[in-house]
Structure formats: structure tokens, C-alpha cells
Amino acid sequence: MVRRADISAVIFDMDGLVLDTEKTYQAAWRTAGRAMRYDFPDVFLEGLAGLAGDAVLRGIANFCGPGFDPGEFNRLTTACWRDYVAVHGIEVKTGFHALRDYLNREAIPFCLATNSALVNAEACLALAGLADVFPVVVARDHVRRPKPSPDVFLQAASVLKVPVGRCLVLEDSPAGIEAAFEAAAVPVMVPSMRPVDAATLARCRFVLNDLGELPGMLG
């Protein structure tokens, strides 16, 4: 349990936590890979969750081996992603709206901290109807190192003018939880994939089924 009195701000991850974007990325990677005659297993794509774009590309290049063309893959992935979201859109994860309403009622500051580039984050939020929801967005562009390094959460706390130890960080991926833990924030996980490995669970203050459960956990 975390006491409400010990929390001064809440920091949200985006992909897989606020927005159900992980499946859109995986669909685009899979389609682009098949166009280049690579077949990615589900478990491999799931392992890329929460990583920054450059880390994702390195992982895919390592999987594909010699002859892989990263420029062509990026071009195809962008086109495939746009095609996918044009048809399917981007869903907001269960409980987000209820949690946002709670934070506003309680006057608890909140922001977004993401491994995505700012232009991509803003595009995803707009597609999901959340363009004006977050007063602060800290993106990959704003820090030297992406998650699992703690930089993005340290920067978010600085922008919010709140000690990072009083920031509750909501994450869905092992990389995000590691970053929150290393920042000495309060890591809370809402897993986008299960099971969660033991090392990640050990870094979490607690684990939720969806974002709407958080108010009840702030005892």
C-alpha cells in the first residue's frame, strides 16, 4: 500500500499503459518484416515492449542478421503503422479516464513520460482523442538516455517540481519499471503482458489489473 500523503505527483508511461499502442507497433513490425521476408515470433515482438525506437531497431536487426536493411524496414514500418491505425485507431486503456478524473479532483499533478519521440507521442495522443489531456509530456527527445535508464522520470519530476521520491510512476513494461526503480520513484505496474518476471515484480510497489484500481490503492 502507498499512502496518498506520500504522493505528490503521478507520472504515466504512454505505450501499453495509457494507450494500447503496443499491438499497433507489433502489427506494423510483423507486416514490414514479412514484406522483407522475415517472420517474427510473437514472443520476440512482445520482448520489445517499452524499448525506445533505436533499441527496437537494434533488436530486430540482430534477429534478422546480415543483409537486413534498417532504412527500408523503418520506411515500411511507418507506412504499415499508418495503414493499421487508419483502420483500427488507437484505444485508450481501461481505467485511464477514471484515474484522470480522480487526479483532477484531488489536485494531484500528473504528466506523461515516454520513450517515444515527441512528434510520435503527440500523434498517438491525438489519434486516441487525448491531445490536450497531459499538461506536460517528457519524451525521448528531452533526455540523453531512454528507459530502462531513469533519465525520463528524473526529467519529469524536475519539470513537475516534485522530488522524484514522491512521484508515483505507472508503467506496463519491465524496462519502464526498471527505469522508475533506478530513479528512486514509486514504481507501480499495470502489465500489458503476463506473466511478469520475478525481477520486475521485486521492483514494483504493487501491481494493478488496470489504471482505475489506483485510487483504491492509495490508502
Protein backbone atom coordinates (compact mmCIF):
# COMPACT_ATOMS: atom_id res chain seq x y z
CA MET A 1 0.00 0.00 0.00
CA VAL A 2 1.10 3.59 -0.71
CA ARG A 3 -0.27 6.42 1.41
CA ARG A 4 -1.90 9.27 -0.50
CA ALA A 5 0.01 11.68 1.76
CA ASP A 6 3.32 10.31 0.43
CA ILE A 7 2.49 11.00 -3.24
CA SER A 8 2.82 14.49 -4.74
CA ALA A 9 2.55 13.61 -8.45
CA VAL A 10 1.80 10.77 -10.85
CA ILE A 11 3.86 10.04 -13.96
CA PHE A 12 2.30 7.96 -16.74
CA ASP A 13 4.06 5.92 -19.37
CA MET A 14 2.27 6.03 -22.74
CA ASP A 15 2.71 2.91 -24.87
CA GLY A 16 0.86 -0.05 -23.40
CA LEU A 17 -0.12 1.92 -20.29
CA VAL A 18 -2.31 4.84 -21.35
CA LEU A 19 -2.66 3.79 -24.98
CA ASP A 20 -2.99 0.32 -26.44
CA THR A 21 -0.25 1.09 -28.96
CA GLU A 22 1.92 -1.99 -28.45
CA LYS A 23 -0.36 -4.08 -30.66
CA THR A 24 -0.24 -1.39 -33.37
CA TYR A 25 3.56 -1.39 -33.35
CA GLN A 26 3.73 -5.18 -33.36
CA ALA A 27 1.31 -5.36 -36.28
CA ALA A 28 3.43 -2.87 -38.23
CA TRP A 29 6.71 -4.66 -37.43
CA ARG A 30 5.22 -8.01 -38.43
CA THR A 31 3.82 -6.71 -41.72
CA ALA A 32 7.02 -4.85 -42.58
CA GLY A 33 9.09 -7.92 -41.70
CA ARG A 34 7.01 -10.19 -43.92
CA ALA A 35 7.41 -7.73 -46.79
CA MET A 36 11.17 -8.17 -46.33
CA ARG A 37 10.81 -11.98 -45.92
CA TYR A 38 11.36 -12.09 -42.17
CA ASP A 39 8.91 -13.77 -39.81
CA PHE A 40 8.91 -12.51 -36.21
CA PRO A 41 7.57 -14.82 -33.46
CA ASP A 42 5.06 -13.26 -31.07
CA VAL A 43 7.34 -13.76 -28.08
CA PHE A 44 10.14 -11.86 -29.84
CA LEU A 45 7.92 -8.86 -30.62
CA GLU A 46 6.50 -8.86 -27.10
CA GLY A 47 10.05 -8.63 -25.75
CA LEU A 48 10.47 -5.27 -27.49
CA ALA A 49 7.74 -3.65 -25.38
CA GLY A 50 8.77 -0.45 -23.65
CA LEU A 51 12.03 -0.01 -25.56
CA ALA A 52 12.99 3.14 -27.44
CA GLY A 53 12.91 3.11 -31.23
CA ASP A 54 16.67 2.75 -31.66
CA ALA A 55 16.74 -0.20 -29.25
CA VAL A 56 13.83 -1.84 -31.09
CA LEU A 57 15.64 -1.48 -34.40
CA ARG A 58 18.84 -2.94 -32.94
CA GLY A 59 16.90 -5.92 -31.61
CA ILE A 60 15.21 -6.53 -34.95
CA ALA A 61 18.50 -6.14 -36.83
CA ASN A 62 20.16 -8.68 -34.53
CA PHE A 63 17.27 -11.09 -35.05
CA CYS A 64 17.36 -10.75 -38.83
CA GLY A 65 21.13 -10.94 -39.19
CA PRO A 66 23.36 -9.96 -42.13
CA GLY A 67 21.63 -8.35 -45.08
CA PHE A 68 18.97 -6.59 -43.01
CA ASP A 69 18.23 -3.08 -44.32
CA PRO A 70 17.21 -0.86 -41.35
CA GLY A 71 16.27 2.09 -43.56
CA GLU A 72 13.88 0.00 -45.62
CA PHE A 73 12.43 -1.58 -42.51
CA ASN A 74 11.76 1.82 -40.93
CA ARG A 75 10.13 3.07 -44.13
CA LEU A 76 7.87 0.04 -44.36
CA THR A 77 7.06 0.07 -40.65
CA THR A 78 5.93 3.71 -40.79
CA ALA A 79 3.67 3.01 -43.76
CA CYS A 80 2.27 -0.17 -42.21
CA TRP A 81 1.60 1.57 -38.89
CA ARG A 82 -0.28 4.41 -40.56
CA ASP A 83 -2.38 1.91 -42.52
CA TYR A 84 -3.17 -0.05 -39.36
CA VAL A 85 -4.23 2.89 -37.20
CA ALA A 86 -6.25 4.38 -40.06
CA VAL A 87 -8.43 1.26 -39.90
CA HIS A 88 -8.26 0.30 -36.21
CA GLY A 89 -7.46 3.58 -34.45
CA ILE A 90 -5.69 3.64 -31.06
CA GLU A 91 -7.61 2.56 -27.97
CA VAL A 92 -7.29 4.19 -24.56
CA LYS A 93 -6.56 1.60 -21.88
CA THR A 94 -9.18 0.61 -19.33
CA GLY A 95 -9.37 2.86 -16.29
CA PHE A 96 -7.42 5.82 -17.65
CA HIS A 97 -10.34 8.26 -17.79
CA ALA A 98 -11.49 7.31 -14.28
CA LEU A 99 -7.97 7.79 -12.92
CA ARG A 100 -7.54 11.11 -14.68
CA ASP A 101 -10.81 12.34 -13.16
CA TYR A 102 -9.61 11.23 -9.71
CA LEU A 103 -6.28 13.04 -10.08
CA ASN A 104 -8.05 16.22 -11.18
CA ARG A 105 -10.48 16.04 -8.25
CA GLU A 106 -7.63 15.52 -5.81
CA ALA A 107 -5.49 18.22 -7.47
CA ILE A 108 -2.63 15.74 -7.94
CA PRO A 109 -0.25 16.89 -10.71
CA PHE A 110 0.43 14.36 -13.46
CA CYS A 111 2.37 14.11 -16.68
CA LEU A 112 3.44 11.73 -19.44
CA ALA A 113 6.98 10.32 -19.72
CA THR A 114 7.62 8.20 -22.78
CA ASN A 115 10.38 6.54 -24.78
CA SER A 116 8.63 7.72 -27.95
CA ALA A 117 9.81 10.79 -29.84
CA LEU A 118 7.69 13.84 -29.06
CA VAL A 119 6.20 14.06 -32.55
CA ASN A 120 5.16 10.41 -32.40
CA ALA A 121 3.74 10.71 -28.88
CA GLU A 122 1.68 13.74 -29.86
CA ALA A 123 0.39 11.95 -32.96
CA CYS A 124 -0.66 8.90 -30.93
CA LEU A 125 -2.38 11.00 -28.27
CA ALA A 126 -4.27 12.93 -30.94
CA LEU A 127 -5.42 9.74 -32.68
CA ALA A 128 -6.71 8.45 -29.32
CA GLY A 129 -8.53 11.70 -28.52
CA LEU A 130 -6.12 12.70 -25.73
CA ALA A 131 -4.35 15.59 -27.41
CA ASP A 132 -4.92 18.08 -24.58
CA VAL A 133 -5.04 15.75 -21.58
CA PHE A 134 -1.42 15.89 -20.37
CA PRO A 135 -0.15 19.33 -19.31
CA VAL A 136 3.44 18.04 -19.53
CA VAL A 137 4.92 15.48 -21.95
CA VAL A 138 8.53 14.37 -21.48
CA ALA A 139 9.70 12.39 -24.49
CA ARG A 140 12.79 10.67 -25.86
CA ASP A 141 13.92 13.99 -27.36
CA HIS A 142 14.26 15.56 -23.93
CA VAL A 143 16.77 13.17 -22.33
CA ARG A 144 20.15 11.67 -23.13
CA ARG A 145 19.24 8.06 -22.39
CA PRO A 146 15.92 6.25 -22.85
CA LYS A 147 14.33 3.74 -20.47
CA PRO A 148 15.48 1.46 -18.87
CA SER A 149 17.75 4.34 -17.79
CA PRO A 150 16.00 6.64 -15.28
CA ASP A 151 16.54 9.90 -17.17
CA VAL A 152 12.99 10.42 -18.45
CA PHE A 153 11.48 10.09 -14.95
CA LEU A 154 14.11 12.33 -13.38
CA GLN A 155 13.35 14.94 -16.02
CA ALA A 156 9.60 14.59 -15.49
CA ALA A 157 9.98 15.10 -11.74
CA SER A 158 12.14 18.15 -12.40
CA VAL A 159 9.56 19.67 -14.74
CA LEU A 160 6.79 18.98 -12.23
CA LYS A 161 8.98 20.50 -9.49
CA VAL A 162 8.33 17.45 -7.28
CA PRO A 163 11.00 15.26 -5.61
CA VAL A 164 11.22 12.08 -7.64
CA GLY A 165 10.78 10.00 -4.49
CA ARG A 166 7.27 11.47 -4.17
CA CYS A 167 6.35 10.61 -7.77
CA LEU A 168 4.25 7.50 -8.36
CA VAL A 169 5.24 6.08 -11.75
CA LEU A 170 2.76 3.94 -13.69
CA GLU A 171 4.37 1.51 -16.12
CA ASP A 172 3.42 -1.60 -18.06
CA SER A 173 6.83 -2.98 -19.12
CA PRO A 174 9.94 -4.34 -17.39
CA ALA A 175 12.07 -1.61 -19.00
CA GLY A 176 9.81 1.08 -17.58
CA ILE A 177 9.70 -0.41 -14.11
CA GLU A 178 13.49 -0.70 -14.09
CA ALA A 179 13.75 2.98 -15.05
CA ALA A 180 11.33 4.04 -12.32
CA PHE A 181 13.14 1.92 -9.75
CA GLU A 182 16.54 3.33 -10.73
CA ALA A 183 15.11 6.85 -10.49
CA ALA A 184 14.05 6.08 -6.88
CA ALA A 185 10.43 6.89 -7.73
CA VAL A 186 7.47 4.74 -6.60
CA PRO A 187 7.05 2.09 -9.34
CA VAL A 188 3.56 0.69 -9.89
CA MET A 189 2.93 -1.79 -12.69
CA VAL A 190 -0.12 -2.38 -14.86
CA PRO A 191 1.25 -5.23 -17.01
CA SER A 192 0.46 -5.21 -20.70
CA MET A 193 1.78 -8.79 -20.89
CA ARG A 194 1.83 -11.63 -18.40
CA PRO A 195 3.47 -13.39 -16.72
CA VAL A 196 5.73 -10.74 -15.23
CA ASP A 197 9.25 -11.90 -14.38
CA ALA A 198 10.32 -12.08 -10.75
CA ALA A 199 12.99 -9.38 -11.05
CA THR A 200 10.42 -6.87 -12.34
CA LEU A 201 7.89 -7.78 -9.65
CA ALA A 202 10.54 -7.24 -6.97
CA ARG A 203 10.96 -3.62 -8.16
CA CYS A 204 7.20 -2.83 -8.03
CA ARG A 205 5.48 -1.31 -5.03
CA PHE A 206 2.36 -3.12 -6.22
CA VAL A 207 0.72 -4.44 -9.41
CA LEU A 208 -2.69 -3.40 -10.77
CA ASN A 209 -5.05 -5.02 -13.26
CA ASP A 210 -5.99 -1.64 -14.74
CA LEU A 211 -5.46 2.06 -14.08
CA GLY A 212 -8.85 2.51 -12.48
CA GLU A 213 -7.70 0.49 -9.47
CA LEU A 214 -5.11 3.03 -8.38
CA PRO A 215 -7.35 5.34 -6.28
CA GLY A 216 -8.35 2.41 -4.11
CA MET A 217 -4.71 1.51 -3.52
CA LEU A 218 -3.80 4.95 -2.21
CA GLY A 219 -4.61 4.23 1.42
